[in-house]
Amino acid sequence: MKLVTQVKLVPDAVQASVFERTLPAVNEAANWVSAVSSLPNTARGNPTWCSGRLPPSS
């Protein structure tokens, strides 16, 4: 299942600066979750694939 959510952000100047720093990391983490969840042995009830660690941030 693929779930896509579209939102419109209307930040002020301070919030825009925070979003610019935060959203790439959130996107990277979401991409990692997506990739890991499509690996073999990731069926519901078998969480052995999850190490509990996110990839290192760039």
PDB file of N, CA and C in Angstrom:
ATOM      1  N   MET A   1       0.847  -1.162   0.000  1.00  0.00           N
ATOM      2  CA  MET A   1       0.000   0.000   0.000  1.00  0.00           C
ATOM      3  C   MET A   1       0.897   1.230   0.000  1.00  0.00           C
ATOM      4  N   LYS A   2       0.535   2.182  -0.833  1.00  0.00           N
ATOM      5  CA  LYS A   2       1.278   3.438  -0.873  1.00  0.00           C
ATOM      6  C   LYS A   2       0.339   4.543  -0.410  1.00  0.00           C
ATOM      7  N   LEU A   3       0.779   5.300   0.554  1.00  0.00           N
ATOM      8  CA  LEU A   3      -0.023   6.387   1.088  1.00  0.00           C
ATOM      9  C   LEU A   3       0.709   7.692   0.844  1.00  0.00           C
ATOM     10  N   VAL A   4       0.037   8.603   0.161  1.00  0.00           N
ATOM     11  CA  VAL A   4       0.622   9.902  -0.138  1.00  0.00           C
ATOM     12  C   VAL A   4      -0.293  10.968   0.443  1.00  0.00           C
ATOM     13  N   THR A   5       0.294  11.900   1.143  1.00  0.00           N
ATOM     14  CA  THR A   5      -0.472  13.002   1.705  1.00  0.00           C
ATOM     15  C   THR A   5       0.113  14.301   1.185  1.00  0.00           C
ATOM     16  N   GLN A   6      -0.754  15.148   0.689  1.00  0.00           N
ATOM     17  CA  GLN A   6      -0.304  16.444   0.191  1.00  0.00           C
ATOM     18  C   GLN A   6      -0.797  17.521   1.148  1.00  0.00           C
ATOM     19  N   VAL A   7       0.118  18.375   1.536  1.00  0.00           N
ATOM     20  CA  VAL A   7      -0.233  19.479   2.427  1.00  0.00           C
ATOM     21  C   VAL A   7       0.333  20.773   1.850  1.00  0.00           C
ATOM     22  N   LYS A   8      -0.309  21.861   2.191  1.00  0.00           N
ATOM     23  CA  LYS A   8       0.191  23.172   1.774  1.00  0.00           C
ATOM     24  C   LYS A   8       0.691  23.886   3.017  1.00  0.00           C
ATOM     25  N   LEU A   9       1.970  24.194   3.020  1.00  0.00           N
ATOM     26  CA  LEU A   9       2.571  24.889   4.146  1.00  0.00           C
ATOM     27  C   LEU A   9       2.655  26.381   3.830  1.00  0.00           C
ATOM     28  N   VAL A  10       2.245  27.187   4.785  1.00  0.00           N
ATOM     29  CA  VAL A  10       2.322  28.634   4.622  1.00  0.00           C
ATOM     30  C   VAL A  10       3.053  29.191   5.853  1.00  0.00           C
ATOM     31  N   PRO A  11       4.365  28.957   5.898  1.00  0.00           N
ATOM     32  CA  PRO A  11       5.128  29.366   7.088  1.00  0.00           C
ATOM     33  C   PRO A  11       5.493  30.851   7.063  1.00  0.00           C
ATOM     34  N   ASP A  12       5.714  31.375   8.244  1.00  0.00           N
ATOM     35  CA  ASP A  12       6.289  32.723   8.317  1.00  0.00           C
ATOM     36  C   ASP A  12       7.804  32.569   8.128  1.00  0.00           C
ATOM     37  N   ALA A  13       8.541  33.645   8.217  1.00  0.00           N
ATOM     38  CA  ALA A  13       9.983  33.612   7.931  1.00  0.00           C
ATOM     39  C   ALA A  13      10.746  32.679   8.866  1.00  0.00           C
ATOM     40  N   VAL A  14      10.419  32.697  10.137  1.00  0.00           N
ATOM     41  CA  VAL A  14      11.113  31.842  11.106  1.00  0.00           C
ATOM     42  C   VAL A  14      10.775  30.375  10.844  1.00  0.00           C
ATOM     43  N   GLN A  15       9.500  30.080  10.633  1.00  0.00           N
ATOM     44  CA  GLN A  15       9.086  28.703  10.376  1.00  0.00           C
ATOM     45  C   GLN A  15       9.693  28.189   9.079  1.00  0.00           C
ATOM     46  N   ALA A  16       9.790  29.023   8.064  1.00  0.00           N
ATOM     47  CA  ALA A  16      10.363  28.607   6.780  1.00  0.00           C
ATOM     48  C   ALA A  16      11.800  28.130   6.961  1.00  0.00           C
ATOM     49  N   SER A  17      12.549  28.827   7.763  1.00  0.00           N
ATOM     50  CA  SER A  17      13.932  28.437   8.023  1.00  0.00           C
ATOM     51  C   SER A  17      13.999  27.066   8.689  1.00  0.00           C
ATOM     52  N   VAL A  18      13.102  26.830   9.649  1.00  0.00           N
ATOM     53  CA  VAL A  18      13.069  25.542  10.343  1.00  0.00           C
ATOM     54  C   VAL A  18      12.643  24.427   9.382  1.00  0.00           C
ATOM     55  N   PHE A  19      11.638  24.690   8.572  1.00  0.00           N
ATOM     56  CA  PHE A  19      11.186  23.689   7.593  1.00  0.00           C
ATOM     57  C   PHE A  19      12.300  23.311   6.628  1.00  0.00           C
ATOM     58  N   GLU A  20      13.042  24.295   6.168  1.00  0.00           N
ATOM     59  CA  GLU A  20      14.123  24.028   5.218  1.00  0.00           C
ATOM     60  C   GLU A  20      15.182  23.096   5.800  1.00  0.00           C
ATOM     61  N   ARG A  21      15.367  23.158   7.102  1.00  0.00           N
ATOM     62  CA  ARG A  21      16.353  22.274   7.750  1.00  0.00           C
ATOM     63  C   ARG A  21      15.748  20.929   8.133  1.00  0.00           C
ATOM     64  N   THR A  22      14.463  20.902   8.451  1.00  0.00           N
ATOM     65  CA  THR A  22      13.834  19.711   9.001  1.00  0.00           C
ATOM     66  C   THR A  22      13.272  18.764   7.942  1.00  0.00           C
ATOM     67  N   LEU A  23      12.607  19.299   6.943  1.00  0.00           N
ATOM     68  CA  LEU A  23      11.912  18.442   5.979  1.00  0.00           C
ATOM     69  C   LEU A  23      12.821  17.472   5.225  1.00  0.00           C
ATOM     70  N   PRO A  24      14.047  17.832   4.839  1.00  0.00           N
ATOM     71  CA  PRO A  24      14.900  16.838   4.186  1.00  0.00           C
ATOM     72  C   PRO A  24      15.183  15.616   5.082  1.00  0.00           C
ATOM     73  N   ALA A  25      15.375  15.842   6.373  1.00  0.00           N
ATOM     74  CA  ALA A  25      15.621  14.719   7.281  1.00  0.00           C
ATOM     75  C   ALA A  25      14.378  13.857   7.435  1.00  0.00           C
ATOM     76  N   VAL A  26      13.222  14.483   7.510  1.00  0.00           N
ATOM     77  CA  VAL A  26      11.964  13.734   7.605  1.00  0.00           C
ATOM     78  C   VAL A  26      11.754  12.912   6.333  1.00  0.00           C
ATOM     79  N   ASN A  27      12.022  13.503   5.190  1.00  0.00           N
ATOM     80  CA  ASN A  27      11.869  12.795   3.927  1.00  0.00           C
ATOM     81  C   ASN A  27      12.836  11.621   3.829  1.00  0.00           C
ATOM     82  N   GLU A  28      14.062  11.817   4.254  1.00  0.00           N
ATOM     83  CA  GLU A  28      15.057  10.742   4.234  1.00  0.00           C
ATOM     84  C   GLU A  28      14.612   9.579   5.122  1.00  0.00           C
ATOM     85  N   ALA A  29      14.106   9.895   6.298  1.00  0.00           N
ATOM     86  CA  ALA A  29      13.624   8.849   7.207  1.00  0.00           C
ATOM     87  C   ALA A  29      12.424   8.117   6.610  1.00  0.00           C
ATOM     88  N   ALA A  30      11.511   8.845   5.994  1.00  0.00           N
ATOM     89  CA  ALA A  30      10.345   8.216   5.368  1.00  0.00           C
ATOM     90  C   ALA A  30      10.767   7.315   4.218  1.00  0.00           C
ATOM     91  N   ASN A  31      11.729   7.735   3.432  1.00  0.00           N
ATOM     92  CA  ASN A  31      12.235   6.896   2.346  1.00  0.00           C
ATOM     93  C   ASN A  31      12.881   5.623   2.884  1.00  0.00           C
ATOM     94  N   TRP A  32      13.603   5.741   3.990  1.00  0.00           N
ATOM     95  CA  TRP A  32      14.220   4.565   4.609  1.00  0.00           C
ATOM     96  C   TRP A  32      13.149   3.586   5.083  1.00  0.00           C
ATOM     97  N   VAL A  33      12.130   4.096   5.749  1.00  0.00           N
ATOM     98  CA  VAL A  33      11.034   3.237   6.221  1.00  0.00           C
ATOM     99  C   VAL A  33      10.381   2.540   5.037  1.00  0.00           C
ATOM    100  N   SER A  34      10.147   3.264   3.970  1.00  0.00           N
ATOM    101  CA  SER A  34       9.540   2.676   2.784  1.00  0.00           C
ATOM    102  C   SER A  34      10.407   1.559   2.211  1.00  0.00           C
ATOM    103  N   ALA A  35      11.712   1.807   2.114  1.00  0.00           N
ATOM    104  CA  ALA A  35      12.624   0.796   1.562  1.00  0.00           C
ATOM    105  C   ALA A  35      12.693  -0.436   2.454  1.00  0.00           C
ATOM    106  N   VAL A  36      12.813  -0.234   3.751  1.00  0.00           N
ATOM    107  CA  VAL A  36      12.923  -1.355   4.685  1.00  0.00           C
ATOM    108  C   VAL A  36      11.629  -2.154   4.719  1.00  0.00           C
ATOM    109  N   SER A  37      10.499  -1.471   4.645  1.00  0.00           N
ATOM    110  CA  SER A  37       9.221  -2.180   4.738  1.00  0.00           C
ATOM    111  C   SER A  37       8.950  -3.048   3.517  1.00  0.00           C
ATOM    112  N   SER A  38       9.663  -2.806   2.427  1.00  0.00           N
ATOM    113  CA  SER A  38       9.461  -3.625   1.239  1.00  0.00           C
ATOM    114  C   SER A  38      10.444  -4.796   1.159  1.00  0.00           C
ATOM    115  N   LEU A  39      11.313  -4.937   2.156  1.00  0.00           N
ATOM    116  CA  LEU A  39      12.246  -6.060   2.186  1.00  0.00           C
ATOM    117  C   LEU A  39      11.516  -7.360   2.528  1.00  0.00           C
ATOM    118  N   PRO A  40      12.093  -8.509   2.178  1.00  0.00           N
ATOM    119  CA  PRO A  40      11.487  -9.789   2.573  1.00  0.00           C
ATOM    120  C   PRO A  40      11.384  -9.904   4.095  1.00  0.00           C
ATOM    121  N   ASN A  41      10.477 -10.720   4.554  1.00  0.00           N
ATOM    122  CA  ASN A  41      10.269 -10.988   5.988  1.00  0.00           C
ATOM    123  C   ASN A  41       9.799  -9.771   6.764  1.00  0.00           C
ATOM    124  N   THR A  42       9.026  -8.929   6.132  1.00  0.00           N
ATOM    125  CA  THR A  42       8.489  -7.773   6.843  1.00  0.00           C
ATOM    126  C   THR A  42       6.976  -7.879   6.987  1.00  0.00           C
ATOM    127  N   ALA A  43       6.482  -9.098   7.004  1.00  0.00           N
ATOM    128  CA  ALA A  43       5.040  -9.297   7.159  1.00  0.00           C
ATOM    129  C   ALA A  43       4.579  -8.799   8.517  1.00  0.00           C
ATOM    130  N   ARG A  44       3.320  -8.439   8.572  1.00  0.00           N
ATOM    131  CA  ARG A  44       2.738  -7.980   9.836  1.00  0.00           C
ATOM    132  C   ARG A  44       2.966  -9.050  10.905  1.00  0.00           C
ATOM    133  N   GLY A  45       3.360  -8.619  12.064  1.00  0.00           N
ATOM    134  CA  GLY A  45       3.598  -9.558  13.143  1.00  0.00           C
ATOM    135  C   GLY A  45       5.002 -10.121  13.162  1.00  0.00           C
ATOM    136  N   ASN A  46       5.833  -9.745  12.205  1.00  0.00           N
ATOM    137  CA  ASN A  46       7.212 -10.224  12.170  1.00  0.00           C
ATOM    138  C   ASN A  46       8.143  -9.014  12.090  1.00  0.00           C
ATOM    139  N   PRO A  47       8.299  -8.287  13.182  1.00  0.00           N
ATOM    140  CA  PRO A  47       9.084  -7.061  13.150  1.00  0.00           C
ATOM    141  C   PRO A  47      10.590  -7.275  13.265  1.00  0.00           C
ATOM    142  N   THR A  48      11.080  -8.464  12.943  1.00  0.00           N
ATOM    143  CA  THR A  48      12.497  -8.751  13.124  1.00  0.00           C
ATOM    144  C   THR A  48      13.385  -7.932  12.202  1.00  0.00           C
ATOM    145  N   TRP A  49      12.820  -7.333  11.181  1.00  0.00           N
ATOM    146  CA  TRP A  49      13.609  -6.539  10.232  1.00  0.00           C
ATOM    147  C   TRP A  49      14.027  -5.199  10.822  1.00  0.00           C
ATOM    148  N   CYS A  50      13.358  -4.749  11.851  1.00  0.00           N
ATOM    149  CA  CYS A  50      13.589  -3.395  12.349  1.00  0.00           C
ATOM    150  C   CYS A  50      14.673  -3.397  13.430  1.00  0.00           C
ATOM    151  N   SER A  51      15.739  -2.672  13.175  1.00  0.00           N
ATOM    152  CA  SER A  51      16.820  -2.577  14.147  1.00  0.00           C
ATOM    153  C   SER A  51      16.585  -1.449  15.123  1.00  0.00           C
ATOM    154  N   GLY A  52      15.570  -0.600  14.834  1.00  0.00           N
ATOM    155  CA  GLY A  52      15.304   0.535  15.710  1.00  0.00           C
ATOM    156  C   GLY A  52      16.229   1.703  15.460  1.00  0.00           C
ATOM    157  N   ARG A  53      17.065   1.602  14.427  1.00  0.00           N
ATOM    158  CA  ARG A  53      18.007   2.673  14.117  1.00  0.00           C
ATOM    159  C   ARG A  53      17.712   3.240  12.736  1.00  0.00           C
ATOM    160  N   LEU A  54      17.708   4.545  12.624  1.00  0.00           N
ATOM    161  CA  LEU A  54      17.548   5.198  11.332  1.00  0.00           C
ATOM    162  C   LEU A  54      18.917   5.320  10.682  1.00  0.00           C
ATOM    163  N   PRO A  55      18.940   5.502   9.368  1.00  0.00           N
ATOM    164  CA  PRO A  55      20.230   5.658   8.705  1.00  0.00           C
ATOM    165  C   PRO A  55      20.904   6.943   9.165  1.00  0.00           C
ATOM    166  N   PRO A  56      22.209   7.014   9.053  1.00  0.00           N
ATOM    167  CA  PRO A  56      22.896   8.242   9.456  1.00  0.00           C
ATOM    168  C   PRO A  56      22.442   9.417   8.579  1.00  0.00           C
ATOM    169  N   SER A  57      22.278  10.572   9.174  1.00  0.00           N
ATOM    170  CA  SER A  57      21.871  11.732   8.385  1.00  0.00           C
ATOM    171  C   SER A  57      23.069  12.265   7.621  1.00  0.00           C
ATOM    172  N   SER A  58      22.769  12.826   6.461  1.00  0.00           N
ATOM    173  CA  SER A  58      23.863  13.328   5.626  1.00  0.00           C
ATOM    174  C   SER A  58      24.133  14.785   5.863  1.00  0.00           C
TER     175      SER A  58
END
